[in-house]
Amino acid sequence: MLFLQSPDVLIAILLILFVSLPFHEFSHALAAYRLGDSTAKYMGRLTLNPLAHLDPFGALLILLVGFGWAKPTPYNPYNVRGGKTGEVIIAIAGPISNLVLAIAAALPLRYIYATGMDVPEVVVSALSTFVMLNVILAVFNLIPIPPLDGSKLLYAAMNPQTERQWRPVLEQYGFIILFAALLLPVLPGGQTIVSFVFQKVGLPIANLLIG
């Protein structure tokens, strides 16, 4: 069980569950609301209250294995101003919120390192883990596979004919494709597609933030 590994990991995971994931979904809801769609607001999702966003099974998986999800934020694309551009803004609002949280946690961490401030090691480790997990959330959600946020960017890049042809297929088999990208070691060195993305994109971002 991941949350039993050490106190700093438990603290970071609780912050992910009660801060990062709710903030991520709230950011989707706020972007949709600002672009003309009130679906999330009417469903009680335009809030930072964690209970409105947490999925019980997804939260349990995060505690057990470090991978899970929150409730997806609903919106009606027909109400959104800007068409595909509006959908892209809604989609990237979530990952951007995780990067904002990562930066917010990295700032005191960099100050601690720069000044040699005497801080309990559990605090330093929890902040480092929190930064890394938020970067992972941001990068993971930008992978262009449904139901991840990055799939909206993929659809926006398609011409209408290609989208009509491929979107139903990707939506239907997205979870299968995603789990294959997560679990199958198809790249050199036994890497999965997702681990490769984390290594090449996520890790450099986290290292840049932490210093």
N, C-alpha and C. Protein backbone atom coordinates (compact mmCIF):
# COMPACT_ATOMS: atom_id res chain seq x y z
N MET A 1 0.84 -1.19 0.00
CA MET A 1 0.00 0.00 0.00
C MET A 1 0.88 1.24 0.00
N LEU A 2 0.73 2.07 -1.03
CA LEU A 2 1.63 3.20 -1.21
C LEU A 2 1.57 4.16 -0.03
N PHE A 3 0.37 4.40 0.51
CA PHE A 3 0.24 5.41 1.55
C PHE A 3 0.86 4.99 2.87
N LEU A 4 1.25 3.71 3.01
CA LEU A 4 1.89 3.24 4.22
C LEU A 4 3.41 3.25 4.13
N GLN A 5 3.95 3.68 2.99
CA GLN A 5 5.39 3.63 2.80
C GLN A 5 6.13 4.52 3.79
N SER A 6 5.68 5.74 3.97
CA SER A 6 6.32 6.69 4.89
C SER A 6 5.39 7.86 5.11
N PRO A 7 5.60 8.62 6.21
CA PRO A 7 4.71 9.76 6.50
C PRO A 7 4.69 10.81 5.39
N ASP A 8 5.86 11.07 4.76
CA ASP A 8 5.91 12.10 3.73
C ASP A 8 5.09 11.69 2.50
N VAL A 9 5.13 10.40 2.16
CA VAL A 9 4.33 9.92 1.02
C VAL A 9 2.84 10.04 1.35
N LEU A 10 2.47 9.70 2.59
CA LEU A 10 1.07 9.82 3.01
C LEU A 10 0.61 11.27 2.94
N ILE A 11 1.44 12.19 3.43
CA ILE A 11 1.08 13.61 3.39
C ILE A 11 0.88 14.07 1.95
N ALA A 12 1.82 13.70 1.07
CA ALA A 12 1.73 14.12 -0.33
C ALA A 12 0.48 13.54 -1.00
N ILE A 13 0.18 12.28 -0.73
CA ILE A 13 -0.99 11.65 -1.35
C ILE A 13 -2.28 12.29 -0.85
N LEU A 14 -2.34 12.61 0.45
CA LEU A 14 -3.53 13.28 0.98
C LEU A 14 -3.70 14.66 0.35
N LEU A 15 -2.58 15.35 0.13
CA LEU A 15 -2.65 16.65 -0.54
C LEU A 15 -3.14 16.49 -1.98
N ILE A 16 -2.71 15.41 -2.65
CA ILE A 16 -3.19 15.14 -4.00
C ILE A 16 -4.70 14.91 -3.98
N LEU A 17 -5.16 14.10 -3.04
CA LEU A 17 -6.58 13.75 -2.98
C LEU A 17 -7.45 14.95 -2.62
N PHE A 18 -7.00 15.77 -1.67
CA PHE A 18 -7.86 16.82 -1.14
C PHE A 18 -7.53 18.22 -1.64
N VAL A 19 -6.45 18.35 -2.42
CA VAL A 19 -6.10 19.64 -2.98
C VAL A 19 -5.96 19.55 -4.51
N SER A 20 -5.04 18.69 -4.98
CA SER A 20 -4.70 18.68 -6.41
C SER A 20 -5.86 18.22 -7.29
N LEU A 21 -6.44 17.07 -6.98
CA LEU A 21 -7.52 16.57 -7.83
C LEU A 21 -8.75 17.47 -7.80
N PRO A 22 -9.19 17.95 -6.60
CA PRO A 22 -10.31 18.90 -6.61
C PRO A 22 -10.00 20.19 -7.37
N PHE A 23 -8.77 20.70 -7.22
CA PHE A 23 -8.39 21.93 -7.92
C PHE A 23 -8.36 21.70 -9.43
N HIS A 24 -7.91 20.53 -9.84
CA HIS A 24 -7.88 20.15 -11.26
C HIS A 24 -9.30 20.17 -11.83
N GLU A 25 -10.22 19.48 -11.17
CA GLU A 25 -11.59 19.40 -11.69
C GLU A 25 -12.31 20.73 -11.57
N PHE A 26 -12.07 21.48 -10.50
CA PHE A 26 -12.65 22.81 -10.36
C PHE A 26 -12.20 23.71 -11.50
N SER A 27 -10.94 23.57 -11.90
CA SER A 27 -10.41 24.41 -12.99
C SER A 27 -11.12 24.10 -14.30
N HIS A 28 -11.40 22.82 -14.56
CA HIS A 28 -12.21 22.47 -15.73
C HIS A 28 -13.58 23.15 -15.64
N ALA A 29 -14.21 23.03 -14.47
CA ALA A 29 -15.56 23.57 -14.28
C ALA A 29 -15.56 25.08 -14.44
N LEU A 30 -14.56 25.76 -13.88
CA LEU A 30 -14.50 27.21 -13.97
C LEU A 30 -14.29 27.67 -15.41
N ALA A 31 -13.40 26.97 -16.13
CA ALA A 31 -13.17 27.33 -17.53
C ALA A 31 -14.44 27.16 -18.35
N ALA A 32 -15.16 26.06 -18.13
CA ALA A 32 -16.41 25.82 -18.86
C ALA A 32 -17.43 26.90 -18.52
N TYR A 33 -17.52 27.26 -17.25
CA TYR A 33 -18.48 28.28 -16.82
C TYR A 33 -18.17 29.63 -17.45
N ARG A 34 -16.88 29.98 -17.47
CA ARG A 34 -16.47 31.25 -18.06
C ARG A 34 -16.70 31.27 -19.57
N LEU A 35 -16.75 30.10 -20.18
CA LEU A 35 -16.97 30.01 -21.62
C LEU A 35 -18.43 29.78 -21.99
N GLY A 36 -19.31 29.88 -20.99
CA GLY A 36 -20.74 29.87 -21.28
C GLY A 36 -21.52 28.64 -20.90
N ASP A 37 -20.86 27.62 -20.35
CA ASP A 37 -21.58 26.39 -20.00
C ASP A 37 -21.70 26.26 -18.49
N SER A 38 -22.92 26.09 -18.00
CA SER A 38 -23.18 26.02 -16.56
C SER A 38 -23.45 24.60 -16.07
N THR A 39 -23.18 23.60 -16.90
CA THR A 39 -23.48 22.21 -16.53
C THR A 39 -22.80 21.83 -15.22
N ALA A 40 -21.51 22.08 -15.10
CA ALA A 40 -20.78 21.71 -13.89
C ALA A 40 -21.29 22.47 -12.68
N LYS A 41 -21.63 23.75 -12.87
CA LYS A 41 -22.16 24.54 -11.76
C LYS A 41 -23.47 23.96 -11.26
N TYR A 42 -24.37 23.62 -12.17
CA TYR A 42 -25.66 23.06 -11.78
C TYR A 42 -25.50 21.71 -11.08
N MET A 43 -24.42 20.99 -11.38
CA MET A 43 -24.19 19.68 -10.76
C MET A 43 -23.33 19.78 -9.51
N GLY A 44 -23.09 21.00 -9.03
CA GLY A 44 -22.35 21.19 -7.79
C GLY A 44 -20.86 20.99 -7.92
N ARG A 45 -20.32 21.13 -9.13
CA ARG A 45 -18.90 20.87 -9.35
C ARG A 45 -18.06 22.15 -9.44
N LEU A 46 -18.71 23.31 -9.43
CA LEU A 46 -17.97 24.57 -9.46
C LEU A 46 -17.61 24.95 -8.03
N THR A 47 -16.79 24.10 -7.40
CA THR A 47 -16.43 24.26 -6.00
C THR A 47 -15.07 23.60 -5.77
N LEU A 48 -14.39 24.06 -4.71
CA LEU A 48 -13.13 23.44 -4.30
C LEU A 48 -13.35 22.39 -3.22
N ASN A 49 -14.60 22.12 -2.89
CA ASN A 49 -14.91 21.09 -1.90
C ASN A 49 -14.48 19.73 -2.44
N PRO A 50 -13.51 19.06 -1.81
CA PRO A 50 -13.02 17.77 -2.33
C PRO A 50 -14.10 16.72 -2.48
N LEU A 51 -15.10 16.75 -1.61
CA LEU A 51 -16.14 15.72 -1.65
C LEU A 51 -16.96 15.79 -2.92
N ALA A 52 -16.99 16.95 -3.57
CA ALA A 52 -17.76 17.09 -4.81
C ALA A 52 -17.03 16.45 -5.99
N HIS A 53 -15.73 16.22 -5.84
CA HIS A 53 -14.93 15.78 -6.98
C HIS A 53 -14.34 14.37 -6.83
N LEU A 54 -14.18 13.90 -5.61
CA LEU A 54 -13.49 12.63 -5.42
C LEU A 54 -14.35 11.45 -5.84
N ASP A 55 -13.73 10.55 -6.56
CA ASP A 55 -14.35 9.27 -6.90
C ASP A 55 -13.85 8.24 -5.89
N PRO A 56 -14.75 7.57 -5.14
CA PRO A 56 -14.29 6.68 -4.06
C PRO A 56 -13.32 5.62 -4.54
N PHE A 57 -13.62 4.96 -5.65
CA PHE A 57 -12.74 3.90 -6.14
C PHE A 57 -11.43 4.48 -6.64
N GLY A 58 -11.50 5.59 -7.37
CA GLY A 58 -10.28 6.23 -7.85
C GLY A 58 -9.40 6.69 -6.70
N ALA A 59 -10.02 7.22 -5.63
CA ALA A 59 -9.25 7.66 -4.46
C ALA A 59 -8.60 6.47 -3.76
N LEU A 60 -9.33 5.37 -3.67
CA LEU A 60 -8.77 4.17 -3.03
C LEU A 60 -7.56 3.66 -3.80
N LEU A 61 -7.64 3.67 -5.12
CA LEU A 61 -6.50 3.22 -5.93
C LEU A 61 -5.28 4.12 -5.73
N ILE A 62 -5.51 5.41 -5.60
CA ILE A 62 -4.39 6.32 -5.34
C ILE A 62 -3.71 5.97 -4.03
N LEU A 63 -4.50 5.66 -3.01
CA LEU A 63 -3.93 5.29 -1.71
C LEU A 63 -3.17 3.97 -1.79
N LEU A 64 -3.68 3.04 -2.59
CA LEU A 64 -3.09 1.71 -2.64
C LEU A 64 -1.90 1.62 -3.58
N VAL A 65 -2.04 2.19 -4.77
CA VAL A 65 -1.00 1.98 -5.78
C VAL A 65 -0.45 3.28 -6.38
N GLY A 66 -1.02 4.42 -5.97
CA GLY A 66 -0.52 5.69 -6.47
C GLY A 66 -1.09 6.11 -7.80
N PHE A 67 -2.09 5.38 -8.30
CA PHE A 67 -2.71 5.73 -9.58
C PHE A 67 -4.21 5.67 -9.42
N GLY A 68 -4.89 6.74 -9.80
CA GLY A 68 -6.34 6.77 -9.67
C GLY A 68 -6.90 7.98 -10.38
N TRP A 69 -8.10 8.41 -10.00
CA TRP A 69 -8.76 9.50 -10.71
C TRP A 69 -9.81 10.14 -9.83
N ALA A 70 -10.27 11.31 -10.26
CA ALA A 70 -11.41 11.98 -9.66
C ALA A 70 -12.60 11.85 -10.61
N LYS A 71 -13.75 12.36 -10.19
CA LYS A 71 -14.92 12.35 -11.08
C LYS A 71 -14.67 13.30 -12.24
N PRO A 72 -14.87 12.85 -13.47
CA PRO A 72 -14.71 13.77 -14.60
C PRO A 72 -15.70 14.93 -14.50
N THR A 73 -15.26 16.10 -14.88
CA THR A 73 -16.13 17.29 -14.84
C THR A 73 -16.97 17.35 -16.11
N PRO A 74 -18.29 17.37 -15.97
CA PRO A 74 -19.15 17.39 -17.16
C PRO A 74 -19.28 18.79 -17.75
N TYR A 75 -19.41 18.84 -19.07
CA TYR A 75 -19.77 20.10 -19.71
C TYR A 75 -20.45 19.78 -21.03
N ASN A 76 -21.22 20.73 -21.51
CA ASN A 76 -21.94 20.58 -22.77
C ASN A 76 -21.20 21.37 -23.85
N PRO A 77 -20.55 20.68 -24.79
CA PRO A 77 -19.76 21.40 -25.81
C PRO A 77 -20.60 22.34 -26.66
N TYR A 78 -21.91 22.09 -26.75
CA TYR A 78 -22.77 22.95 -27.57
C TYR A 78 -23.02 24.31 -26.90
N ASN A 79 -22.75 24.39 -25.60
CA ASN A 79 -22.91 25.66 -24.89
C ASN A 79 -21.61 26.47 -24.82
N VAL A 80 -20.51 25.85 -25.20
CA VAL A 80 -19.19 26.47 -25.01
C VAL A 80 -18.88 27.41 -26.16
N ARG A 81 -18.52 28.64 -25.81
CA ARG A 81 -18.10 29.60 -26.83
C ARG A 81 -16.74 29.21 -27.40
N GLY A 82 -16.57 29.44 -28.70
CA GLY A 82 -15.27 29.21 -29.31
C GLY A 82 -15.10 27.86 -29.94
N GLY A 83 -16.12 27.01 -29.90
CA GLY A 83 -16.01 25.70 -30.55
C GLY A 83 -14.87 24.87 -30.02
N LYS A 84 -14.04 24.37 -30.92
CA LYS A 84 -12.93 23.51 -30.53
C LYS A 84 -11.93 24.26 -29.64
N THR A 85 -11.74 25.55 -29.91
CA THR A 85 -10.82 26.33 -29.08
C THR A 85 -11.30 26.37 -27.64
N GLY A 86 -12.60 26.55 -27.45
CA GLY A 86 -13.16 26.55 -26.11
C GLY A 86 -12.96 25.22 -25.42
N GLU A 87 -13.16 24.12 -26.15
CA GLU A 87 -12.96 22.79 -25.56
C GLU A 87 -11.50 22.57 -25.17
N VAL A 88 -10.58 23.08 -25.98
CA VAL A 88 -9.16 22.97 -25.65
C VAL A 88 -8.84 23.74 -24.37
N ILE A 89 -9.41 24.94 -24.24
CA ILE A 89 -9.17 25.74 -23.03
C ILE A 89 -9.68 25.00 -21.80
N ILE A 90 -10.86 24.42 -21.91
CA ILE A 90 -11.41 23.65 -20.78
C ILE A 90 -10.51 22.46 -20.46
N ALA A 91 -10.03 21.79 -21.50
CA ALA A 91 -9.21 20.60 -21.30
C ALA A 91 -7.88 20.93 -20.61
N ILE A 92 -7.21 21.99 -21.08
CA ILE A 92 -5.87 22.27 -20.53
C ILE A 92 -5.94 22.98 -19.19
N ALA A 93 -7.12 23.47 -18.80
CA ALA A 93 -7.25 24.15 -17.50
C ALA A 93 -6.86 23.22 -16.36
N GLY A 94 -7.20 21.93 -16.47
CA GLY A 94 -6.87 20.97 -15.41
C GLY A 94 -5.37 20.76 -15.26
N PRO A 95 -4.68 20.34 -16.33
CA PRO A 95 -3.23 20.17 -16.23
C PRO A 95 -2.49 21.44 -15.82
N ILE A 96 -2.94 22.60 -16.33
CA ILE A 96 -2.30 23.85 -15.93
C ILE A 96 -2.44 24.07 -14.43
N SER A 97 -3.60 23.71 -13.87
CA SER A 97 -3.79 23.87 -12.42
C SER A 97 -2.80 23.03 -11.64
N ASN A 98 -2.49 21.83 -12.13
CA ASN A 98 -1.50 20.99 -11.45
C ASN A 98 -0.10 21.57 -11.55
N LEU A 99 0.22 22.18 -12.67
CA LEU A 99 1.52 22.84 -12.79
C LEU A 99 1.60 24.04 -11.85
N VAL A 100 0.51 24.76 -11.69
CA VAL A 100 0.47 25.89 -10.75
C VAL A 100 0.73 25.40 -9.33
N LEU A 101 0.10 24.30 -8.95
CA LEU A 101 0.32 23.74 -7.61
C LEU A 101 1.75 23.25 -7.45
N ALA A 102 2.30 22.64 -8.50
CA ALA A 102 3.69 22.18 -8.43
C ALA A 102 4.64 23.36 -8.22
N ILE A 103 4.40 24.45 -8.93
CA ILE A 103 5.24 25.64 -8.78
C ILE A 103 5.08 26.22 -7.37
N ALA A 104 3.83 26.26 -6.89
CA ALA A 104 3.58 26.80 -5.55
C ALA A 104 4.30 26.01 -4.47
N ALA A 105 4.39 24.68 -4.63
CA ALA A 105 5.10 23.85 -3.65
C ALA A 105 6.60 23.91 -3.85
N ALA A 106 7.04 24.15 -5.09
CA ALA A 106 8.48 24.20 -5.37
C ALA A 106 9.13 25.46 -4.83
N LEU A 107 8.39 26.56 -4.76
CA LEU A 107 8.97 27.83 -4.31
C LEU A 107 9.51 27.75 -2.88
N PRO A 108 8.70 27.29 -1.91
CA PRO A 108 9.28 27.15 -0.56
C PRO A 108 10.38 26.10 -0.49
N LEU A 109 10.28 25.09 -1.33
CA LEU A 109 11.30 24.05 -1.35
C LEU A 109 12.64 24.62 -1.82
N ARG A 110 12.60 25.42 -2.87
CA ARG A 110 13.83 26.04 -3.37
C ARG A 110 14.40 27.01 -2.33
N TYR A 111 13.53 27.71 -1.61
CA TYR A 111 14.00 28.63 -0.56
C TYR A 111 14.69 27.85 0.55
N ILE A 112 14.10 26.72 0.92
CA ILE A 112 14.71 25.88 1.96
C ILE A 112 16.10 25.42 1.53
N TYR A 113 16.21 24.96 0.29
CA TYR A 113 17.50 24.50 -0.22
C TYR A 113 18.50 25.65 -0.28
N ALA A 114 18.05 26.83 -0.73
CA ALA A 114 18.96 27.96 -0.94
C ALA A 114 19.48 28.53 0.38
N THR A 115 18.64 28.52 1.40
CA THR A 115 19.02 29.16 2.67
C THR A 115 19.53 28.17 3.71
N GLY A 116 19.36 26.89 3.43
CA GLY A 116 19.75 25.89 4.43
C GLY A 116 18.87 25.93 5.66
N MET A 117 17.65 26.39 5.51
CA MET A 117 16.72 26.49 6.64
C MET A 117 16.53 25.12 7.30
N ASP A 118 16.49 25.14 8.62
CA ASP A 118 16.33 23.90 9.38
C ASP A 118 14.86 23.52 9.40
N VAL A 119 14.51 22.61 8.52
CA VAL A 119 13.13 22.16 8.38
C VAL A 119 13.11 20.64 8.53
N PRO A 120 12.10 20.10 9.22
CA PRO A 120 12.02 18.63 9.33
C PRO A 120 12.08 17.95 7.97
N GLU A 121 12.82 16.88 7.88
CA GLU A 121 13.00 16.19 6.61
C GLU A 121 11.69 15.72 6.01
N VAL A 122 10.72 15.39 6.87
CA VAL A 122 9.43 14.93 6.36
C VAL A 122 8.74 16.03 5.57
N VAL A 123 8.93 17.29 5.95
CA VAL A 123 8.32 18.41 5.23
C VAL A 123 8.97 18.56 3.85
N VAL A 124 10.31 18.51 3.82
CA VAL A 124 11.03 18.63 2.56
C VAL A 124 10.65 17.49 1.61
N SER A 125 10.62 16.30 2.14
CA SER A 125 10.29 15.14 1.31
C SER A 125 8.85 15.20 0.82
N ALA A 126 7.92 15.63 1.69
CA ALA A 126 6.51 15.73 1.29
C ALA A 126 6.34 16.77 0.20
N LEU A 127 7.03 17.91 0.31
CA LEU A 127 6.95 18.94 -0.72
C LEU A 127 7.52 18.42 -2.04
N SER A 128 8.65 17.73 -1.98
CA SER A 128 9.24 17.17 -3.20
C SER A 128 8.31 16.18 -3.87
N THR A 129 7.71 15.30 -3.07
CA THR A 129 6.78 14.31 -3.62
C THR A 129 5.55 14.98 -4.20
N PHE A 130 5.08 16.02 -3.52
CA PHE A 130 3.90 16.75 -4.00
C PHE A 130 4.18 17.42 -5.34
N VAL A 131 5.37 18.02 -5.48
CA VAL A 131 5.75 18.62 -6.75
C VAL A 131 5.77 17.56 -7.84
N MET A 132 6.43 16.44 -7.57
CA MET A 132 6.55 15.38 -8.57
C MET A 132 5.18 14.84 -8.97
N LEU A 133 4.31 14.59 -8.00
CA LEU A 133 3.00 14.02 -8.31
C LEU A 133 2.15 14.98 -9.12
N ASN A 134 2.25 16.28 -8.84
CA ASN A 134 1.47 17.24 -9.62
C ASN A 134 1.99 17.35 -11.04
N VAL A 135 3.30 17.28 -11.21
CA VAL A 135 3.87 17.28 -12.56
C VAL A 135 3.41 16.02 -13.30
N ILE A 136 3.42 14.89 -12.61
CA ILE A 136 2.94 13.64 -13.22
C ILE A 136 1.49 13.77 -13.65
N LEU A 137 0.64 14.35 -12.78
CA LEU A 137 -0.77 14.54 -13.12
C LEU A 137 -0.93 15.41 -14.35
N ALA A 138 -0.16 16.50 -14.41
CA ALA A 138 -0.26 17.41 -15.55
C ALA A 138 0.16 16.72 -16.83
N VAL A 139 1.33 16.07 -16.81
CA VAL A 139 1.85 15.44 -18.02
C VAL A 139 0.97 14.26 -18.44
N PHE A 140 0.56 13.45 -17.47
CA PHE A 140 -0.27 12.29 -17.78
C PHE A 140 -1.58 12.71 -18.44
N ASN A 141 -2.20 13.75 -17.90
CA ASN A 141 -3.50 14.17 -18.44
C ASN A 141 -3.39 14.80 -19.82
N LEU A 142 -2.18 15.20 -20.22
CA LEU A 142 -2.00 15.77 -21.54
C LEU A 142 -1.67 14.72 -22.60
N ILE A 143 -1.54 13.45 -22.20
CA ILE A 143 -1.36 12.39 -23.18
C ILE A 143 -2.63 12.30 -24.04
N PRO A 144 -2.52 12.30 -25.36
CA PRO A 144 -3.70 12.41 -26.23
C PRO A 144 -4.46 11.10 -26.42
N ILE A 145 -4.89 10.51 -25.31
CA ILE A 145 -5.68 9.28 -25.34
C ILE A 145 -6.94 9.51 -24.52
N PRO A 146 -8.13 9.24 -25.06
CA PRO A 146 -9.35 9.36 -24.26
C PRO A 146 -9.31 8.39 -23.08
N PRO A 147 -9.82 8.76 -21.91
CA PRO A 147 -10.58 9.98 -21.63
C PRO A 147 -9.72 11.12 -21.10
N LEU A 148 -8.42 11.09 -21.29
CA LEU A 148 -7.53 12.11 -20.76
C LEU A 148 -7.75 13.45 -21.47
N ASP A 149 -7.37 14.53 -20.78
CA ASP A 149 -7.58 15.87 -21.31
C ASP A 149 -6.88 16.06 -22.65
N GLY A 150 -5.74 15.42 -22.83
CA GLY A 150 -4.99 15.57 -24.07
C GLY A 150 -5.75 15.11 -25.30
N SER A 151 -6.76 14.26 -25.12
CA SER A 151 -7.52 13.80 -26.28
C SER A 151 -8.28 14.95 -26.93
N LYS A 152 -8.67 15.96 -26.11
CA LYS A 152 -9.36 17.12 -26.69
C LYS A 152 -8.42 17.92 -27.57
N LEU A 153 -7.14 17.97 -27.21
CA LEU A 153 -6.16 18.65 -28.06
C LEU A 153 -5.98 17.88 -29.36
N LEU A 154 -5.99 16.54 -29.27
CA LEU A 154 -5.87 15.71 -30.46
C LEU A 154 -7.04 15.95 -31.41
N TYR A 155 -8.27 15.98 -30.86
CA TYR A 155 -9.44 16.20 -31.70
C TYR A 155 -9.38 17.58 -32.36
N ALA A 156 -8.91 18.57 -31.60
CA ALA A 156 -8.85 19.94 -32.15
C ALA A 156 -7.86 20.03 -33.31
N ALA A 157 -6.85 19.16 -33.30
CA ALA A 157 -5.85 19.17 -34.37
C ALA A 157 -6.33 18.44 -35.62
N MET A 158 -7.41 17.67 -35.48
CA MET A 158 -7.92 16.92 -36.62
C MET A 158 -8.84 17.79 -37.47
N ASN A 159 -8.85 17.52 -38.77
CA ASN A 159 -9.88 18.17 -39.59
C ASN A 159 -11.22 17.49 -39.32
N PRO A 160 -12.34 18.15 -39.62
CA PRO A 160 -13.66 17.60 -39.27
C PRO A 160 -13.90 16.17 -39.77
N GLN A 161 -13.46 15.87 -40.98
CA GLN A 161 -13.68 14.53 -41.52
C GLN A 161 -12.91 13.47 -40.73
N THR A 162 -11.65 13.76 -40.42
CA THR A 162 -10.83 12.82 -39.66
C THR A 162 -11.39 12.63 -38.26
N GLU A 163 -11.86 13.72 -37.66
CA GLU A 163 -12.43 13.61 -36.31
C GLU A 163 -13.68 12.74 -36.32
N ARG A 164 -14.55 12.94 -37.30
CA ARG A 164 -15.76 12.12 -37.39
C ARG A 164 -15.42 10.65 -37.57
N GLN A 165 -14.34 10.38 -38.26
CA GLN A 165 -13.96 8.99 -38.52
C GLN A 165 -13.32 8.34 -37.30
N TRP A 166 -12.45 9.07 -36.60
CA TRP A 166 -11.65 8.45 -35.56
C TRP A 166 -12.13 8.69 -34.13
N ARG A 167 -12.85 9.77 -33.90
CA ARG A 167 -13.24 10.07 -32.52
C ARG A 167 -14.10 8.97 -31.90
N PRO A 168 -15.12 8.45 -32.59
CA PRO A 168 -15.92 7.37 -31.98
C PRO A 168 -15.07 6.14 -31.63
N VAL A 169 -14.12 5.80 -32.49
CA VAL A 169 -13.26 4.65 -32.25
C VAL A 169 -12.37 4.88 -31.02
N LEU A 170 -11.76 6.06 -30.97
CA LEU A 170 -10.88 6.38 -29.84
C LEU A 170 -11.66 6.46 -28.54
N GLU A 171 -12.87 7.02 -28.59
CA GLU A 171 -13.69 7.11 -27.37
C GLU A 171 -14.08 5.71 -26.89
N GLN A 172 -14.38 4.82 -27.82
CA GLN A 172 -14.81 3.48 -27.45
C GLN A 172 -13.68 2.65 -26.85
N TYR A 173 -12.49 2.78 -27.44
CA TYR A 173 -11.38 1.93 -27.02
C TYR A 173 -10.30 2.69 -26.25
N GLY A 174 -10.63 3.90 -25.84
CA GLY A 174 -9.64 4.73 -25.16
C GLY A 174 -9.04 4.11 -23.93
N PHE A 175 -9.90 3.52 -23.07
CA PHE A 175 -9.40 2.92 -21.84
C PHE A 175 -8.44 1.76 -22.13
N ILE A 176 -8.77 0.97 -23.14
CA ILE A 176 -7.90 -0.15 -23.50
C ILE A 176 -6.55 0.37 -24.00
N ILE A 177 -6.59 1.39 -24.85
CA ILE A 177 -5.36 1.98 -25.37
C ILE A 177 -4.54 2.58 -24.24
N LEU A 178 -5.23 3.24 -23.30
CA LEU A 178 -4.54 3.89 -22.18
C LEU A 178 -3.85 2.86 -21.29
N PHE A 179 -4.56 1.80 -20.96
CA PHE A 179 -3.94 0.78 -20.11
C PHE A 179 -2.79 0.08 -20.83
N ALA A 180 -2.90 -0.08 -22.13
CA ALA A 180 -1.77 -0.63 -22.89
C ALA A 180 -0.57 0.30 -22.82
N ALA A 181 -0.82 1.60 -22.94
CA ALA A 181 0.26 2.58 -22.86
C ALA A 181 0.88 2.61 -21.46
N LEU A 182 0.06 2.28 -20.46
CA LEU A 182 0.55 2.26 -19.08
C LEU A 182 1.33 1.00 -18.75
N LEU A 183 0.93 -0.13 -19.31
CA LEU A 183 1.41 -1.42 -18.81
C LEU A 183 2.32 -2.19 -19.76
N LEU A 184 2.18 -1.99 -21.06
CA LEU A 184 2.93 -2.82 -22.00
C LEU A 184 4.32 -2.24 -22.27
N PRO A 185 5.38 -3.02 -22.00
CA PRO A 185 6.76 -2.53 -22.24
C PRO A 185 7.15 -2.65 -23.70
N VAL A 186 6.62 -1.76 -24.52
CA VAL A 186 6.81 -1.87 -25.97
C VAL A 186 8.01 -1.07 -26.48
N LEU A 187 8.63 -0.28 -25.63
CA LEU A 187 9.76 0.55 -26.05
C LEU A 187 11.08 -0.05 -25.59
N PRO A 188 12.19 0.34 -26.19
CA PRO A 188 13.50 -0.19 -25.77
C PRO A 188 13.74 -0.01 -24.28
N GLY A 189 14.41 -1.01 -23.70
CA GLY A 189 14.68 -0.97 -22.27
C GLY A 189 13.50 -1.39 -21.43
N GLY A 190 12.47 -1.94 -22.05
CA GLY A 190 11.31 -2.39 -21.30
C GLY A 190 10.42 -1.27 -20.82
N GLN A 191 10.53 -0.09 -21.43
CA GLN A 191 9.70 1.03 -21.02
C GLN A 191 8.31 0.96 -21.64
N THR A 192 7.34 1.45 -20.88
CA THR A 192 6.01 1.66 -21.45
C THR A 192 5.98 3.05 -22.08
N ILE A 193 4.95 3.30 -22.87
CA ILE A 193 4.82 4.62 -23.48
C ILE A 193 4.69 5.71 -22.42
N VAL A 194 3.89 5.43 -21.39
CA VAL A 194 3.67 6.43 -20.34
C VAL A 194 4.95 6.67 -19.54
N SER A 195 5.68 5.62 -19.19
CA SER A 195 6.92 5.81 -18.43
C SER A 195 7.94 6.59 -19.27
N PHE A 196 7.95 6.36 -20.58
CA PHE A 196 8.85 7.11 -21.46
C PHE A 196 8.50 8.60 -21.46
N VAL A 197 7.20 8.89 -21.50
CA VAL A 197 6.76 10.28 -21.48
C VAL A 197 7.15 10.94 -20.16
N PHE A 198 6.96 10.22 -19.05
CA PHE A 198 7.35 10.78 -17.75
C PHE A 198 8.85 11.05 -17.69
N GLN A 199 9.63 10.10 -18.21
CA GLN A 199 11.09 10.25 -18.16
C GLN A 199 11.56 11.43 -19.00
N LYS A 200 10.97 11.58 -20.20
CA LYS A 200 11.46 12.59 -21.14
C LYS A 200 10.83 13.96 -20.92
N VAL A 201 9.64 14.00 -20.31
CA VAL A 201 8.94 15.27 -20.14
C VAL A 201 8.73 15.61 -18.66
N GLY A 202 8.14 14.66 -17.92
CA GLY A 202 7.79 14.94 -16.53
C GLY A 202 9.00 15.17 -15.63
N LEU A 203 9.99 14.28 -15.73
CA LEU A 203 11.15 14.38 -14.85
C LEU A 203 11.94 15.67 -15.07
N PRO A 204 12.21 16.07 -16.32
CA PRO A 204 12.91 17.36 -16.51
C PRO A 204 12.14 18.55 -15.93
N ILE A 205 10.80 18.55 -16.07
CA ILE A 205 10.00 19.64 -15.51
C ILE A 205 10.13 19.66 -13.99
N ALA A 206 9.99 18.48 -13.35
CA ALA A 206 10.10 18.41 -11.90
C ALA A 206 11.48 18.84 -11.43
N ASN A 207 12.51 18.41 -12.11
CA ASN A 207 13.89 18.79 -11.74
C ASN A 207 14.10 20.29 -11.91
N LEU A 208 13.51 20.86 -12.95
CA LEU A 208 13.62 22.30 -13.16
C LEU A 208 12.94 23.08 -12.03
N LEU A 209 11.79 22.59 -11.59
CA LEU A 209 11.07 23.29 -10.52
C LEU A 209 11.78 23.16 -9.18
N ILE A 210 12.23 21.97 -8.88
CA ILE A 210 12.84 21.73 -7.56
C ILE A 210 14.25 22.31 -7.49
N GLY A 211 14.98 22.25 -8.62
CA GLY A 211 16.33 22.83 -8.66
C GLY A 211 17.38 21.88 -8.11
